[in-house]
C-alpha atoms as a PDB file:
ATOM      1  CA  MET A   1      -3.777   5.146 -39.214  1.00  0.00           C
ATOM      2  CA  ASP A   2      -1.707   6.156 -36.137  1.00  0.00           C
ATOM      3  CA  ARG A   3      -2.622   3.936 -33.230  1.00  0.00           C
ATOM      4  CA  LYS A   4      -0.750   6.106 -30.646  1.00  0.00           C
ATOM      5  CA  ILE A   5      -3.112   7.729 -28.233  1.00  0.00           C
ATOM      6  CA  SER A   6      -2.147  11.178 -26.812  1.00  0.00           C
ATOM      7  CA  GLU A   7      -5.162  12.634 -25.249  1.00  0.00           C
ATOM      8  CA  ASN A   8      -4.995  12.638 -21.378  1.00  0.00           C
ATOM      9  CA  ASN A   9      -8.657  12.073 -20.746  1.00  0.00           C
ATOM     10  CA  TYR A  10      -8.890   9.138 -23.108  1.00  0.00           C
ATOM     11  CA  SER A  11      -8.764   5.602 -21.667  1.00  0.00           C
ATOM     12  CA  PRO A  12      -7.869   3.100 -24.300  1.00  0.00           C
ATOM     13  CA  THR A  13      -9.766  -0.115 -24.669  1.00  0.00           C
ATOM     14  CA  ILE A  14      -8.031  -3.418 -24.498  1.00  0.00           C
ATOM     15  CA  LEU A  15      -9.915  -6.512 -25.717  1.00  0.00           C
ATOM     16  CA  ILE A  16      -8.660  -9.726 -23.951  1.00  0.00           C
ATOM     17  CA  VAL A  17      -9.425 -12.957 -25.755  1.00  0.00           C
ATOM     18  CA  ARG A  18      -9.070 -16.253 -24.117  1.00  0.00           C
ATOM     19  CA  ASP A  19      -9.312 -19.795 -25.531  1.00  0.00           C
ATOM     20  CA  SER A  20     -11.524 -20.862 -22.647  1.00  0.00           C
ATOM     21  CA  GLY A  21     -14.560 -19.211 -20.941  1.00  0.00           C
ATOM     22  CA  GLU A  22     -12.601 -18.243 -17.731  1.00  0.00           C
ATOM     23  CA  LYS A  23     -11.746 -14.634 -17.044  1.00  0.00           C
ATOM     24  CA  ILE A  24      -8.126 -13.929 -17.242  1.00  0.00           C
ATOM     25  CA  GLU A  25      -6.432 -12.703 -14.140  1.00  0.00           C
ATOM     26  CA  PHE A  26      -3.138 -11.008 -15.037  1.00  0.00           C
ATOM     27  CA  ASP A  27      -0.864  -9.462 -12.518  1.00  0.00           C
ATOM     28  CA  SER A  28      -0.866  -5.982 -13.996  1.00  0.00           C
ATOM     29  CA  SER A  29      -1.121  -2.656 -12.254  1.00  0.00           C
ATOM     30  CA  ILE A  30      -1.750  -0.890 -15.512  1.00  0.00           C
ATOM     31  CA  LEU A  31      -4.406  -3.181 -16.965  1.00  0.00           C
ATOM     32  CA  ALA A  32      -6.966  -2.062 -14.452  1.00  0.00           C
ATOM     33  CA  ASP A  33      -6.655   1.470 -15.608  1.00  0.00           C
ATOM     34  CA  PHE A  34      -7.741   0.647 -19.148  1.00  0.00           C
ATOM     35  CA  ASN A  35     -11.259  -0.090 -20.472  1.00  0.00           C
ATOM     36  CA  THR A  36     -10.913  -3.785 -20.477  1.00  0.00           C
ATOM     37  CA  VAL A  37     -13.287  -6.248 -22.405  1.00  0.00           C
ATOM     38  CA  TYR A  38     -12.991  -9.982 -21.856  1.00  0.00           C
ATOM     39  CA  VAL A  39     -14.329 -12.510 -24.227  1.00  0.00           C
ATOM     40  CA  SER A  40     -13.998 -16.313 -24.811  1.00  0.00           C
ATOM     41  CA  LYS A  41     -12.350 -17.481 -28.035  1.00  0.00           C
ATOM     42  CA  SER A  42     -15.235 -19.874 -28.456  1.00  0.00           C
ATOM     43  CA  LYS A  43     -17.222 -16.915 -29.714  1.00  0.00           C
ATOM     44  CA  ASP A  44     -14.761 -15.906 -32.393  1.00  0.00           C
ATOM     45  CA  ARG A  45     -17.418 -15.108 -35.083  1.00  0.00           C
ATOM     46  CA  SER A  46     -18.954 -12.454 -32.832  1.00  0.00           C
ATOM     47  CA  ILE A  47     -15.404 -11.303 -31.739  1.00  0.00           C
ATOM     48  CA  LEU A  48     -14.570 -10.281 -35.309  1.00  0.00           C
ATOM     49  CA  GLY A  49     -17.782  -8.227 -35.639  1.00  0.00           C
ATOM     50  CA  TRP A  50     -17.184  -6.631 -32.204  1.00  0.00           C
ATOM     51  CA  ILE A  51     -13.671  -5.784 -33.082  1.00  0.00           C
ATOM     52  CA  GLN A  52     -14.640  -4.157 -36.396  1.00  0.00           C
ATOM     53  CA  GLU A  53     -17.439  -2.126 -34.745  1.00  0.00           C
ATOM     54  CA  ASN A  54     -15.711  -1.025 -31.596  1.00  0.00           C
ATOM     55  CA  GLN A  55     -12.042  -0.735 -32.761  1.00  0.00           C
ATOM     56  CA  PRO A  56     -10.087  -1.589 -29.465  1.00  0.00           C
ATOM     57  CA  ASP A  57      -6.813   0.056 -29.085  1.00  0.00           C
ATOM     58  CA  LEU A  58      -5.061  -3.352 -28.331  1.00  0.00           C
ATOM     59  CA  ILE A  59      -5.979  -7.066 -28.417  1.00  0.00           C
ATOM     60  CA  ILE A  60      -4.324  -9.502 -26.007  1.00  0.00           C
ATOM     61  CA  LEU A  61      -4.853 -13.256 -26.916  1.00  0.00           C
ATOM     62  CA  GLU A  62      -4.117 -15.557 -24.109  1.00  0.00           C
ATOM     63  CA  LEU A  63      -3.888 -19.085 -25.480  1.00  0.00           C
ATOM     64  CA  ARG A  64      -3.490 -22.252 -23.354  1.00  0.00           C
ATOM     65  CA  ASN A  65      -4.348 -24.825 -25.872  1.00  0.00           C
ATOM     66  CA  PRO A  66      -1.900 -25.283 -28.707  1.00  0.00           C
ATOM     67  CA  GLN A  67      -4.549 -27.032 -30.828  1.00  0.00           C
ATOM     68  CA  GLU A  68      -6.745 -23.979 -30.648  1.00  0.00           C
ATOM     69  CA  SER A  69      -4.590 -21.847 -32.910  1.00  0.00           C
ATOM     70  CA  CYS A  70      -5.571 -18.108 -33.104  1.00  0.00           C
ATOM     71  CA  CYS A  71      -4.817 -18.004 -36.877  1.00  0.00           C
ATOM     72  CA  CYS A  72      -8.636 -17.999 -37.361  1.00  0.00           C
ATOM     73  CA  LEU A  73      -8.626 -14.687 -35.549  1.00  0.00           C
ATOM     74  CA  ILE A  74      -5.303 -13.078 -36.290  1.00  0.00           C
ATOM     75  CA  THR A  75      -5.377 -13.662 -40.029  1.00  0.00           C
ATOM     76  CA  PRO A  76      -8.840 -12.152 -40.720  1.00  0.00           C
ATOM     77  CA  LEU A  77      -7.878  -9.182 -38.502  1.00  0.00           C
ATOM     78  CA  ARG A  78      -4.760  -8.546 -40.507  1.00  0.00           C
ATOM     79  CA  LEU A  79      -6.551  -8.881 -43.765  1.00  0.00           C
ATOM     80  CA  ASP A  80      -9.373  -6.411 -42.932  1.00  0.00           C
ATOM     81  CA  TRP A  81      -8.593  -2.823 -43.600  1.00  0.00           C
ATOM     82  CA  LEU A  82     -10.721  -1.828 -40.488  1.00  0.00           C
ATOM     83  CA  THR A  83      -8.656  -3.850 -38.129  1.00  0.00           C
ATOM     84  CA  ARG A  84      -5.221  -4.527 -39.767  1.00  0.00           C
ATOM     85  CA  ASN A  85      -3.401  -1.808 -37.545  1.00  0.00           C
ATOM     86  CA  ILE A  86      -4.813  -2.877 -34.172  1.00  0.00           C
ATOM     87  CA  PRO A  87      -1.749  -4.228 -32.166  1.00  0.00           C
ATOM     88  CA  ILE A  88      -1.910  -7.716 -31.001  1.00  0.00           C
ATOM     89  CA  ILE A  89      -0.128  -9.331 -28.016  1.00  0.00           C
ATOM     90  CA  VAL A  90      -0.144 -13.063 -27.807  1.00  0.00           C
ATOM     91  CA  ILE A  91       0.447 -14.858 -24.540  1.00  0.00           C
ATOM     92  CA  GLY A  92       0.996 -18.680 -24.352  1.00  0.00           C
ATOM     93  CA  ASP A  93       3.314 -21.466 -23.393  1.00  0.00           C
ATOM     94  CA  ARG A  94       6.298 -22.348 -25.549  1.00  0.00           C
ATOM     95  CA  PHE A  95       4.479 -24.949 -27.488  1.00  0.00           C
ATOM     96  CA  THR A  96       1.611 -22.611 -28.447  1.00  0.00           C
ATOM     97  CA  LEU A  97       3.943 -19.791 -29.315  1.00  0.00           C
ATOM     98  CA  LYS A  98       5.996 -22.139 -31.512  1.00  0.00           C
ATOM     99  CA  SER A  99       2.903 -23.337 -33.324  1.00  0.00           C
ATOM    100  CA  ILE A 100       1.826 -19.600 -34.142  1.00  0.00           C
ATOM    101  CA  ALA A 101       5.452 -18.307 -34.883  1.00  0.00           C
ATOM    102  CA  ASN A 102       4.531 -17.480 -38.489  1.00  0.00           C
ATOM    103  CA  LEU A 103       1.441 -15.319 -37.707  1.00  0.00           C
ATOM    104  CA  ASP A 104       1.410 -11.537 -37.751  1.00  0.00           C
ATOM    105  CA  TYR A 105       1.197 -10.290 -34.243  1.00  0.00           C
ATOM    106  CA  ASP A 106       3.140  -7.451 -32.549  1.00  0.00           C
ATOM    107  CA  VAL A 107       4.389  -9.073 -29.341  1.00  0.00           C
ATOM    108  CA  CYS A 108       4.436 -12.526 -27.942  1.00  0.00           C
ATOM    109  CA  LEU A 109       4.915 -13.274 -24.145  1.00  0.00           C
ATOM    110  CA  ARG A 110       5.556 -16.632 -22.629  1.00  0.00           C
ATOM    111  CA  SER A 111       3.102 -17.441 -19.920  1.00  0.00           C
ATOM    112  CA  PRO A 112       3.287 -16.992 -17.079  1.00  0.00           C
ATOM    113  CA  CYS A 113       4.460 -13.540 -17.897  1.00  0.00           C
ATOM    114  CA  SER A 114       5.491 -11.062 -15.370  1.00  0.00           C
ATOM    115  CA  GLU A 115       3.768  -7.786 -14.579  1.00  0.00           C
ATOM    116  CA  THR A 116       6.802  -5.855 -15.930  1.00  0.00           C
ATOM    117  CA  ASP A 117       6.799  -7.825 -19.185  1.00  0.00           C
ATOM    118  CA  LEU A 118       3.042  -7.357 -19.718  1.00  0.00           C
ATOM    119  CA  ASP A 119       2.968  -3.680 -18.763  1.00  0.00           C
ATOM    120  CA  GLY A 120       6.049  -2.983 -20.910  1.00  0.00           C
ATOM    121  CA  ALA A 121       4.382  -4.731 -23.916  1.00  0.00           C
ATOM    122  CA  ILE A 122       1.104  -2.875 -23.520  1.00  0.00           C
ATOM    123  CA  CYS A 123       2.948   0.414 -23.156  1.00  0.00           C
ATOM    124  CA  SER A 124       5.175  -0.253 -26.157  1.00  0.00           C
ATOM    125  CA  LEU A 125       2.095  -0.437 -28.356  1.00  0.00           C
ATOM    126  CA  ILE A 126      -0.177   2.158 -26.721  1.00  0.00           C
ATOM    127  CA  SER A 127       1.272   5.619 -25.892  1.00  0.00           C
ATOM    128  CA  THR A 128      -0.836   7.108 -23.161  1.00  0.00           C
ATOM    129  CA  SER A 129      -0.368   8.973 -19.798  1.00  0.00           C
ATOM    130  CA  LEU A 130      -1.524   5.885 -18.017  1.00  0.00           C
ATOM    131  CA  CYS A 131       1.733   4.171 -19.205  1.00  0.00           C
ATOM    132  CA  GLN A 132       3.886   7.059 -18.223  1.00  0.00           C
ATOM    133  CA  THR A 133       2.597   6.965 -14.619  1.00  0.00           C
ATOM    134  CA  HIS A 134       2.990   3.144 -14.203  1.00  0.00           C
ATOM    135  CA  VAL A 135       6.072   2.147 -16.381  1.00  0.00           C
ATOM    136  CA  SER A 136       9.359   3.785 -15.851  1.00  0.00           C
END
């Protein structure tokens, strides 16, 4: 399955998962142009079902707690034929990123990440006209 998006009218969906209930506030000029869904990691059983049903174009996992490893989300996503090709960006501190280094994600960013790094990571995984207008 090719995850590259080429239609000009299509706005990709990005699922942003956080290990706490707070909404993530990233400094990103491009993120506002996507269909963005925010969810707390504490609801990970319902997250898997939502991902299978809605097939987001990209998943961003923002982790602040190294004990809350996202392996219980990444591993099932990669094993499921419905979700295994969805790109995953993991954002966390150096301790969190070190603890999940052996998992199968596409990009990892150290928090706090810059707007340029986040936009570049998103656009490296989703090809859309939105990226062409924001990232040079």
